[in-house]
Amino acid sequence: MTNILDFPNGIRLLQGWQRGDAEYCAALRDVLSETVNGRYDSNFAWKGPIDAVHVGGAINLVTLTMMHKFFGQDSAQFYKGDMLAYVRSTLMTRRLLGMNKLYISWPVYAFTAEALGQKTMYPDKFPPGSDPDVMLINRDNWQSDWTPDFDTGTPALIKEMIGHYVNLTGLEPILHLSAPYSLAADAFGQEPLLAALVHEPDFVEQLLRHIVDTVHRPWIEDFLRHFPGAWIELSDASGSPFFVGPKNCRDVSIAAIRYLTEGMTWGHRVYDANYRGDYVTQVTPKNRRRARGGGGPDTTEQVGLDALTEAKHSVCQPYVMRLYDDRVPIEFYRDKAIDKNVPLCTGIGSSQIDRNSVTDIAAECAALRNLTSDHVEAVKTVARTIAANGYDNRAQPWPGTIYFEDVSSESSFELIEAIVGTALTQGGYTLPGPDHPAGKYGMPPVASVSSIT
């Protein structure tokens, strides 16, 4: 095997490592070692195609597993020990998987809470998380000033990381933080916050606004002083309709983000695209508080899919996102993206590529190729339509993305290859205007390679 960065060679290398082939393991270790030492830096200086669907994803977990296996790094060393090595190794993982869209991410929930002083656990081979037995915020101290020191600790590491990312890729900087509700859940406690949401919604609103005032606004403003024109990505899994119900998602989780952006000159550069579970808007509503005597969000007032989508768009205006756990047909999101005149991104869930749940790999590959083909066509349809309607931005999120929501060492690289291969081979399209130089399948020309003899 030669030209490791020429798809599908990189992903075949990962397959060999996953099955324990000694030759492939040695070759992968060499590639990662060379990556950390800067050999492949020139390959990262490519912004992706503007005439082909992008393929991207969250790959931190699989990179952590490889760096632990080959170099003995635990999660603290991997995520916080050497920020340039972290950026290089995570970008290389994307290239090996065949992804033509580069992006930098980190354990956003753990890092954001840790910056406030929340005790965080760093396991050897797994990502960090808040210690559920030692919550930082409680009823007595919630009105304290939680503003972090942005020049030390986690905020400083994030700035360093993003600086390396920008230098290597030339892409725009993105500050990734927990949204107000999810940050409160990590520092106040998931269950106490949910109980307060049910019985004391006014308190939850006050808590989230205080977190916005003392954490998010100061952090964003400090970041923009270092990276003018940056984007701010928020993540709010705990505030999703799947967990708190569509009404609370709209009126509490999303409302807190709208409060954050109100009147801010940078408000239009803030977005949150990971609210999941849209299908719950189509479930028959029940008053779970009466049925269970408390302990769950009140769903007596139904919020429909269109209303929830409008609320989600108010805090994610650059594009429309369809996640796997939304469980709503892709056509709905395709039509919404056309209506909003913005690109479409669509997610591949971790359970869809879990190697432990597949009994017939050939049949599953075929099914995922068909599904990917449908999603690629939806993204292309949106891109062509909005371009004809006057959308002229050719930077990300253009032209739309097939996004792996979570890739780990327990993912099936054979299934991933089926999805990525379909997206790359079927993702090209033509629009009027100058051509964008790209390599095969809309991938960058390979500047330097390793080989397996």
Protein backbone atom coordinates (compact mmCIF):
# COMPACT_ATOMS: atom_id res chain seq x y z
CA MET A 1 0.00 0.00 0.00
CA THR A 2 1.39 3.40 -0.98
CA ASN A 3 0.02 6.94 -0.85
CA ILE A 4 -1.57 6.58 2.56
CA LEU A 5 -3.48 9.85 2.18
CA ASP A 6 -5.08 8.80 -1.10
CA PHE A 7 -8.56 7.45 -0.25
CA PRO A 8 -9.28 4.67 0.62
CA ASN A 9 -5.72 3.75 1.65
CA GLY A 10 -5.82 5.67 4.92
CA ILE A 11 -8.99 4.03 6.10
CA ARG A 12 -7.65 0.61 5.07
CA LEU A 13 -4.67 1.35 7.31
CA LEU A 14 -7.08 2.03 10.17
CA GLN A 15 -8.90 -1.22 9.43
CA GLY A 16 -5.64 -3.13 9.68
CA TRP A 17 -4.85 -1.46 13.00
CA GLN A 18 -8.33 -2.28 14.34
CA ARG A 19 -7.98 -5.98 13.54
CA GLY A 20 -4.54 -6.04 15.19
CA ASP A 21 -2.36 -6.59 12.13
CA ALA A 22 1.21 -5.96 13.34
CA GLU A 23 2.43 -4.55 10.03
CA TYR A 24 -0.42 -2.09 9.79
CA CYS A 25 -0.06 -1.10 13.44
CA ALA A 26 3.61 -0.31 12.92
CA ALA A 27 2.84 1.70 9.81
CA LEU A 28 0.09 3.67 11.55
CA ARG A 29 2.41 4.42 14.46
CA ASP A 30 4.98 5.76 12.01
CA VAL A 31 2.40 7.94 10.28
CA LEU A 32 1.26 9.45 13.60
CA SER A 33 4.85 9.97 14.75
CA GLU A 34 5.69 11.74 11.50
CA THR A 35 2.49 13.76 11.78
CA VAL A 36 3.32 15.04 15.26
CA ASN A 37 6.78 16.01 13.97
CA GLY A 38 5.23 18.12 11.21
CA ARG A 39 5.83 16.03 8.10
CA TYR A 40 2.27 16.37 6.81
CA ASP A 41 1.66 20.01 7.65
CA SER A 42 1.46 21.03 3.99
CA ASN A 43 -1.42 18.61 3.47
CA PHE A 44 -3.52 20.43 6.06
CA ALA A 45 -3.31 23.79 4.26
CA TRP A 46 -6.34 23.11 2.07
CA LYS A 47 -9.78 24.57 2.66
CA GLY A 48 -11.79 21.83 0.99
CA PRO A 49 -13.74 21.80 -2.28
CA ILE A 50 -16.44 24.27 -3.17
CA ASP A 51 -17.77 21.99 -5.90
CA ALA A 52 -18.28 18.82 -3.87
CA VAL A 53 -20.15 17.80 -0.74
CA HIS A 54 -17.97 17.95 2.35
CA VAL A 55 -17.34 14.97 4.62
CA GLY A 56 -16.41 15.73 8.22
CA GLY A 57 -16.91 14.53 11.74
CA ALA A 58 -15.99 14.26 15.40
CA ILE A 59 -12.95 11.97 15.62
CA ASN A 60 -11.38 12.84 19.00
CA LEU A 61 -12.18 9.46 20.56
CA VAL A 62 -10.48 7.32 17.92
CA THR A 63 -7.45 9.63 17.92
CA LEU A 64 -7.20 9.38 21.71
CA THR A 65 -7.27 5.58 21.47
CA MET A 66 -4.46 5.56 18.91
CA MET A 67 -2.28 8.00 20.82
CA HIS A 68 -2.80 5.97 24.00
CA LYS A 69 -2.02 2.70 22.22
CA PHE A 70 1.11 3.86 20.42
CA PHE A 71 2.55 6.54 22.71
CA GLY A 72 1.04 5.81 26.12
CA GLN A 73 -0.81 9.11 26.38
CA ASP A 74 -3.71 9.31 28.82
CA SER A 75 -6.60 11.66 28.11
CA ALA A 76 -5.05 14.58 30.04
CA GLN A 77 -1.79 14.28 28.11
CA PHE A 78 -3.59 13.92 24.80
CA TYR A 79 -6.02 16.80 25.21
CA LYS A 80 -3.84 19.21 27.21
CA GLY A 81 -0.19 18.15 27.03
CA ASP A 82 0.95 19.41 23.60
CA MET A 83 -1.58 21.48 21.71
CA LEU A 84 0.31 21.46 18.41
CA ALA A 85 0.58 17.66 18.55
CA TYR A 86 -3.13 17.48 19.37
CA VAL A 87 -4.07 19.58 16.36
CA ARG A 88 -1.78 17.69 14.01
CA SER A 89 -2.91 14.23 15.14
CA THR A 90 -6.64 15.03 14.96
CA LEU A 91 -6.28 16.59 11.51
CA MET A 92 -4.39 13.51 10.33
CA THR A 93 -7.16 11.21 11.59
CA ARG A 94 -9.60 13.10 9.39
CA ARG A 95 -7.32 12.72 6.41
CA LEU A 96 -6.88 8.98 7.02
CA LEU A 97 -10.66 8.58 7.16
CA GLY A 98 -10.97 10.32 3.79
CA MET A 99 -12.67 13.45 5.13
CA ASN A 100 -12.28 16.43 2.80
CA LYS A 101 -13.39 18.95 5.44
CA LEU A 102 -11.00 19.85 8.24
CA TYR A 103 -12.28 21.01 11.60
CA ILE A 104 -10.90 21.21 15.12
CA SER A 105 -12.84 20.13 18.19
CA TRP A 106 -12.19 19.08 21.78
CA PRO A 107 -14.16 17.77 24.80
CA VAL A 108 -16.31 20.87 24.86
CA TYR A 109 -18.49 20.04 27.87
CA ALA A 110 -15.59 19.04 30.11
CA PHE A 111 -13.35 21.92 29.02
CA THR A 112 -15.99 24.63 29.44
CA ALA A 113 -17.02 23.45 32.92
CA GLU A 114 -13.40 22.93 33.97
CA ALA A 115 -12.59 26.53 33.07
CA LEU A 116 -15.07 27.65 35.76
CA GLY A 117 -13.43 25.42 38.37
CA GLN A 118 -15.59 22.30 38.04
CA LYS A 119 -13.72 19.17 39.12
CA THR A 120 -13.02 17.11 36.01
CA MET A 121 -12.08 13.45 35.65
CA TYR A 122 -9.46 12.41 33.07
CA PRO A 123 -9.51 8.62 32.51
CA ASP A 124 -6.66 6.89 30.71
CA LYS A 125 -8.42 5.92 27.48
CA PHE A 126 -11.65 7.88 27.60
CA PRO A 127 -12.52 11.57 27.25
CA PRO A 128 -12.80 13.78 30.33
CA GLY A 129 -16.04 14.67 32.06
CA SER A 130 -17.34 16.54 35.08
CA ASP A 131 -17.15 14.66 38.38
CA PRO A 132 -20.84 13.99 39.15
CA ASP A 133 -20.09 13.69 42.86
CA VAL A 134 -18.54 17.14 43.19
CA MET A 135 -20.73 19.83 41.61
CA LEU A 136 -19.32 23.36 41.45
CA ILE A 137 -22.57 25.37 41.46
CA ASN A 138 -25.30 25.00 44.07
CA ARG A 139 -28.24 26.89 45.53
CA ASP A 140 -26.01 28.89 47.85
CA ASN A 141 -23.34 30.08 45.44
CA TRP A 142 -24.98 30.21 42.01
CA GLN A 143 -24.91 34.02 41.95
CA SER A 144 -21.11 34.10 42.32
CA ASP A 145 -18.93 35.49 39.54
CA TRP A 146 -17.96 32.47 37.42
CA THR A 147 -15.81 34.39 34.94
CA PRO A 148 -12.68 32.32 34.18
CA ASP A 149 -9.15 33.63 33.87
CA PHE A 150 -8.81 33.56 30.11
CA ASP A 151 -5.00 33.74 30.12
CA THR A 152 -4.42 30.56 32.12
CA GLY A 153 -5.70 27.01 32.32
CA THR A 154 -8.20 25.64 29.83
CA PRO A 155 -9.10 28.95 28.12
CA ALA A 156 -5.42 29.58 27.38
CA LEU A 157 -5.01 26.05 26.02
CA ILE A 158 -8.00 26.54 23.72
CA LYS A 159 -6.55 29.79 22.37
CA GLU A 160 -3.22 28.06 21.75
CA MET A 161 -4.94 25.13 20.06
CA ILE A 162 -6.97 27.36 17.76
CA GLY A 163 -3.89 29.39 16.90
CA HIS A 164 -2.12 26.24 15.69
CA TYR A 165 -5.25 25.19 13.78
CA VAL A 166 -5.48 28.52 11.99
CA ASN A 167 -1.76 28.53 11.18
CA LEU A 168 -1.87 25.01 9.75
CA THR A 169 -5.13 25.20 7.80
CA GLY A 170 -5.77 28.86 7.05
CA LEU A 171 -9.38 28.27 8.12
CA GLU A 172 -11.41 30.64 10.24
CA PRO A 173 -11.11 30.22 14.02
CA ILE A 174 -14.07 28.74 15.88
CA LEU A 175 -14.47 28.93 19.65
CA HIS A 176 -16.43 25.88 20.79
CA LEU A 177 -18.19 26.19 24.16
CA SER A 178 -20.99 24.50 26.08
CA ALA A 179 -24.27 26.33 25.65
CA PRO A 180 -25.75 27.84 28.84
CA TYR A 181 -28.10 24.96 29.67
CA SER A 182 -25.51 22.23 29.14
CA LEU A 183 -22.90 24.16 31.10
CA ALA A 184 -25.36 24.50 33.98
CA ALA A 185 -26.07 20.76 33.78
CA ASP A 186 -22.34 19.95 34.03
CA ALA A 187 -21.67 22.33 36.93
CA PHE A 188 -25.00 22.21 38.81
CA GLY A 189 -25.89 18.58 38.08
CA GLN A 190 -28.06 17.03 35.38
CA GLU A 191 -30.76 15.73 37.71
CA PRO A 192 -30.97 18.79 40.04
CA LEU A 193 -31.22 21.06 37.00
CA LEU A 194 -33.95 18.93 35.43
CA ALA A 195 -35.88 18.91 38.71
CA ALA A 196 -35.58 22.70 38.91
CA LEU A 197 -36.71 22.96 35.30
CA VAL A 198 -39.90 21.08 36.20
CA HIS A 199 -40.69 22.79 39.50
CA GLU A 200 -38.86 26.15 39.38
CA PRO A 201 -38.47 27.24 35.76
CA ASP A 202 -37.96 30.87 36.79
CA PHE A 203 -34.90 29.87 38.82
CA VAL A 204 -33.43 27.99 35.85
CA GLU A 205 -33.94 31.04 33.63
CA GLN A 206 -32.14 33.24 36.17
CA LEU A 207 -29.30 30.72 36.52
CA LEU A 208 -28.77 30.50 32.75
CA ARG A 209 -28.80 34.26 32.34
CA HIS A 210 -26.25 34.62 35.12
CA ILE A 211 -24.01 32.04 33.42
CA VAL A 212 -24.33 33.96 30.16
CA ASP A 213 -23.40 37.24 31.88
CA THR A 214 -20.41 35.88 33.80
CA VAL A 215 -19.08 33.17 31.46
CA HIS A 216 -20.18 33.30 27.84
CA ARG A 217 -20.13 36.99 27.05
CA PRO A 218 -16.76 37.69 28.74
CA TRP A 219 -15.23 34.58 27.15
CA ILE A 220 -16.46 35.44 23.67
CA GLU A 221 -15.29 39.03 23.93
CA ASP A 222 -11.83 37.95 25.12
CA PHE A 223 -11.60 35.44 22.29
CA LEU A 224 -12.59 38.00 19.67
CA ARG A 225 -9.83 40.31 20.88
CA HIS A 226 -7.36 37.60 19.92
CA PHE A 227 -9.21 36.30 16.85
CA PRO A 228 -11.31 39.09 15.31
CA GLY A 229 -14.05 37.78 13.06
CA ALA A 230 -14.08 34.33 14.69
CA TRP A 231 -17.15 32.13 14.97
CA ILE A 232 -18.60 30.84 18.23
CA GLU A 233 -20.06 27.34 18.18
CA LEU A 234 -22.19 26.25 21.12
CA SER A 235 -23.19 22.69 21.98
CA ASP A 236 -26.29 21.91 24.02
CA ALA A 237 -26.97 18.17 24.05
CA SER A 238 -28.46 18.34 27.56
CA GLY A 239 -30.87 21.05 26.42
CA SER A 240 -32.15 19.05 23.45
CA PRO A 241 -35.83 18.22 22.95
CA PHE A 242 -34.89 14.58 23.41
CA PHE A 243 -34.02 15.30 27.07
CA VAL A 244 -36.08 18.32 28.15
CA GLY A 245 -38.95 18.24 25.66
CA PRO A 246 -39.55 20.57 22.70
CA LYS A 247 -41.21 23.29 24.79
CA ASN A 248 -38.35 23.56 27.27
CA CYS A 249 -35.85 23.34 24.44
CA ARG A 250 -37.50 26.31 22.76
CA ASP A 251 -38.38 28.37 25.85
CA VAL A 252 -35.36 27.66 28.06
CA SER A 253 -32.35 26.22 26.22
CA ILE A 254 -32.70 28.21 23.01
CA ALA A 255 -33.99 31.29 24.82
CA ALA A 256 -30.76 31.44 26.83
CA ILE A 257 -28.74 31.59 23.59
CA ARG A 258 -30.98 34.31 22.22
CA TYR A 259 -30.36 36.23 25.44
CA LEU A 260 -26.62 35.78 24.87
CA THR A 261 -26.71 37.23 21.36
CA GLU A 262 -29.24 40.05 21.89
CA GLY A 263 -27.70 43.41 21.01
CA MET A 264 -24.21 41.97 20.53
CA THR A 265 -22.27 43.05 17.44
CA TRP A 266 -20.99 39.48 17.21
CA GLY A 267 -24.39 37.87 17.83
CA HIS A 268 -24.79 36.72 14.22
CA ARG A 269 -21.56 34.72 14.52
CA VAL A 270 -22.89 32.51 17.33
CA TYR A 271 -24.59 29.23 16.42
CA ASP A 272 -25.73 25.96 17.98
CA ALA A 273 -26.46 23.00 15.71
CA ASN A 274 -26.68 19.97 17.98
CA TYR A 275 -30.23 20.01 19.33
CA ARG A 276 -31.34 16.43 18.75
CA GLY A 277 -34.59 14.53 18.93
CA ASP A 278 -36.94 16.48 16.67
CA TYR A 279 -39.17 13.41 16.42
CA VAL A 280 -40.49 14.06 19.94
CA THR A 281 -42.60 16.87 18.49
CA GLN A 282 -44.63 14.17 16.75
CA VAL A 283 -45.17 12.04 19.84
CA THR A 284 -48.53 12.25 21.57
CA PRO A 285 -48.02 14.68 24.46
CA LYS A 286 -48.50 13.49 28.02
CA ASN A 287 -48.44 15.29 31.31
CA ARG A 288 -45.56 13.27 32.74
CA ARG A 289 -45.49 15.28 35.95
CA ARG A 290 -48.95 14.01 36.89
CA ALA A 291 -48.33 10.49 35.64
CA ARG A 292 -45.10 10.08 37.55
CA GLY A 293 -45.58 12.50 40.40
CA GLY A 294 -42.74 14.71 39.11
CA GLY A 295 -39.30 14.01 37.74
CA GLY A 296 -39.72 14.94 34.07
CA PRO A 297 -40.42 18.00 31.94
CA ASP A 298 -44.02 19.09 31.56
CA THR A 299 -45.12 18.25 28.02
CA THR A 300 -48.76 19.36 28.31
CA GLU A 301 -48.16 22.18 25.79
CA GLN A 302 -47.20 20.72 22.44
CA VAL A 303 -44.60 22.43 20.26
CA GLY A 304 -44.79 21.24 16.68
CA LEU A 305 -41.91 20.38 14.38
CA ASP A 306 -42.19 23.59 12.38
CA ALA A 307 -42.18 25.74 15.52
CA LEU A 308 -39.18 23.90 16.95
CA THR A 309 -37.33 24.19 13.64
CA GLU A 310 -37.93 27.94 13.58
CA ALA A 311 -36.57 28.20 17.12
CA LYS A 312 -33.51 26.15 16.20
CA HIS A 313 -32.89 28.31 13.14
CA SER A 314 -32.95 31.43 15.31
CA VAL A 315 -29.75 30.19 16.98
CA CYS A 316 -28.19 28.50 13.93
CA GLN A 317 -28.70 30.74 10.94
CA PRO A 318 -25.72 29.76 8.72
CA TYR A 319 -27.10 26.31 7.87
CA VAL A 320 -29.73 23.66 8.61
CA MET A 321 -28.63 20.53 10.50
CA ARG A 322 -30.31 17.15 10.51
CA LEU A 323 -28.92 14.77 13.16
CA TYR A 324 -29.45 11.02 13.20
CA ASP A 325 -31.43 11.13 16.45
CA ASP A 326 -33.83 13.66 14.95
CA ARG A 327 -35.48 10.67 13.21
CA VAL A 328 -37.32 12.94 10.79
CA PRO A 329 -36.97 12.29 7.03
CA ILE A 330 -34.15 14.13 5.30
CA GLU A 331 -36.61 15.72 2.86
CA PHE A 332 -38.03 17.90 5.64
CA TYR A 333 -34.60 19.43 6.33
CA ARG A 334 -33.81 19.71 2.62
CA ASP A 335 -36.93 21.79 2.09
CA LYS A 336 -36.27 23.91 5.19
CA ALA A 337 -32.72 24.67 4.02
CA ILE A 338 -34.05 25.77 0.63
CA ASP A 339 -36.69 27.89 2.34
CA LYS A 340 -34.02 29.55 4.52
CA ASN A 341 -31.60 29.78 1.57
CA VAL A 342 -28.73 28.18 3.52
CA PRO A 343 -26.70 24.95 3.11
CA LEU A 344 -27.74 21.59 4.54
CA CYS A 345 -25.64 19.38 6.82
CA THR A 346 -26.71 15.90 7.83
CA GLY A 347 -25.38 13.62 10.55
CA ILE A 348 -24.33 9.98 10.70
CA GLY A 349 -25.00 8.70 14.23
CA SER A 350 -22.47 6.68 16.22
CA SER A 351 -24.90 3.77 16.48
CA GLN A 352 -25.09 3.57 12.68
CA ILE A 353 -21.39 2.71 12.46
CA ASP A 354 -21.02 0.68 15.66
CA ARG A 355 -19.18 -2.52 14.73
CA ASN A 356 -20.58 -4.38 17.76
CA SER A 357 -24.17 -4.13 16.56
CA VAL A 358 -23.71 -5.39 12.99
CA THR A 359 -24.50 -9.01 12.12
CA ASP A 360 -24.32 -8.76 8.32
CA ILE A 361 -21.60 -6.28 7.36
CA ALA A 362 -22.21 -6.58 3.60
CA ALA A 363 -25.93 -5.86 3.96
CA GLU A 364 -25.26 -2.95 6.30
CA CYS A 365 -22.69 -1.46 3.92
CA ALA A 366 -25.23 -1.62 1.11
CA ALA A 367 -27.91 0.01 3.25
CA LEU A 368 -25.58 2.81 4.33
CA ARG A 369 -24.46 3.44 0.76
CA ASN A 370 -28.11 3.91 -0.23
CA LEU A 371 -28.78 6.17 2.76
CA THR A 372 -25.65 8.23 2.09
CA SER A 373 -26.58 8.57 -1.56
CA ASP A 374 -29.96 10.02 -0.56
CA HIS A 375 -28.34 12.45 1.88
CA VAL A 376 -25.68 13.52 -0.61
CA GLU A 377 -28.36 14.21 -3.19
CA ALA A 378 -30.29 16.30 -0.65
CA VAL A 379 -27.19 18.38 0.16
CA LYS A 380 -26.46 18.87 -3.55
CA THR A 381 -30.06 19.80 -4.31
CA VAL A 382 -29.94 22.46 -1.62
CA ALA A 383 -26.60 23.81 -2.85
CA ARG A 384 -27.75 24.10 -6.44
CA THR A 385 -31.09 25.64 -5.49
CA ILE A 386 -29.80 28.26 -3.09
CA ALA A 387 -27.00 29.20 -5.52
CA ALA A 388 -29.66 29.84 -8.15
CA ASN A 389 -31.56 31.88 -5.56
CA GLY A 390 -28.59 34.17 -4.91
CA TYR A 391 -26.58 32.46 -2.16
CA ASP A 392 -23.00 33.43 -3.06
CA ASN A 393 -20.90 32.54 0.00
CA ARG A 394 -18.26 29.96 -0.95
CA ALA A 395 -16.71 29.48 2.49
CA GLN A 396 -17.85 26.91 5.06
CA PRO A 397 -20.59 25.89 5.72
CA TRP A 398 -20.92 25.92 1.92
CA PRO A 399 -21.69 23.60 0.18
CA GLY A 400 -23.01 21.33 2.97
CA THR A 401 -21.64 18.33 4.83
CA ILE A 402 -22.11 14.65 5.60
CA TYR A 403 -21.07 14.69 9.25
CA PHE A 404 -20.02 11.74 11.44
CA GLU A 405 -21.34 12.62 14.87
CA ASP A 406 -18.86 10.40 16.72
CA VAL A 407 -16.11 8.07 15.47
CA SER A 408 -14.42 5.84 18.05
CA SER A 409 -12.20 2.76 18.07
CA GLU A 410 -15.43 0.72 18.28
CA SER A 411 -16.72 2.16 15.03
CA SER A 412 -16.63 -0.05 11.96
CA PHE A 413 -14.12 1.39 9.52
CA GLU A 414 -15.66 -0.78 6.81
CA LEU A 415 -19.01 0.95 7.32
CA ILE A 416 -17.29 4.33 7.46
CA GLU A 417 -15.53 3.54 4.18
CA ALA A 418 -18.87 2.74 2.56
CA ILE A 419 -20.28 6.10 3.67
CA VAL A 420 -17.22 8.21 2.87
CA GLY A 421 -16.66 6.50 -0.47
CA THR A 422 -20.26 7.13 -1.50
CA ALA A 423 -20.10 10.77 -0.42
CA LEU A 424 -16.83 11.41 -2.24
CA THR A 425 -17.72 9.63 -5.48
CA GLN A 426 -21.26 11.03 -5.70
CA GLY A 427 -20.69 14.40 -4.05
CA GLY A 428 -19.33 16.40 -6.98
CA TYR A 429 -21.46 18.88 -8.88
CA THR A 430 -21.02 21.87 -11.19
CA LEU A 431 -22.07 25.47 -10.73
CA PRO A 432 -21.40 28.42 -13.03
CA GLY A 433 -18.14 30.16 -12.18
CA PRO A 434 -14.43 29.41 -11.82
CA ASP A 435 -13.30 25.90 -11.06
CA HIS A 436 -11.79 25.12 -7.68
CA PRO A 437 -8.51 23.16 -7.87
CA ALA A 438 -8.81 19.81 -6.15
CA GLY A 439 -7.51 16.31 -6.39
CA LYS A 440 -9.33 13.04 -6.98
CA TYR A 441 -12.78 12.88 -5.34
CA GLY A 442 -12.50 16.51 -4.30
CA MET A 443 -9.53 15.68 -2.06
CA PRO A 444 -6.32 17.71 -1.79
CA PRO A 445 -3.31 16.63 -3.85
CA VAL A 446 -1.11 14.42 -1.68
CA ALA A 447 2.07 16.34 -0.86
CA SER A 448 3.87 13.61 1.06
CA VAL A 449 3.10 10.00 1.84
CA SER A 450 4.13 6.99 3.87
CA SER A 451 4.03 3.44 2.57
CA ILE A 452 3.65 -0.14 3.71
CA THR A 453 6.10 -2.39 1.93
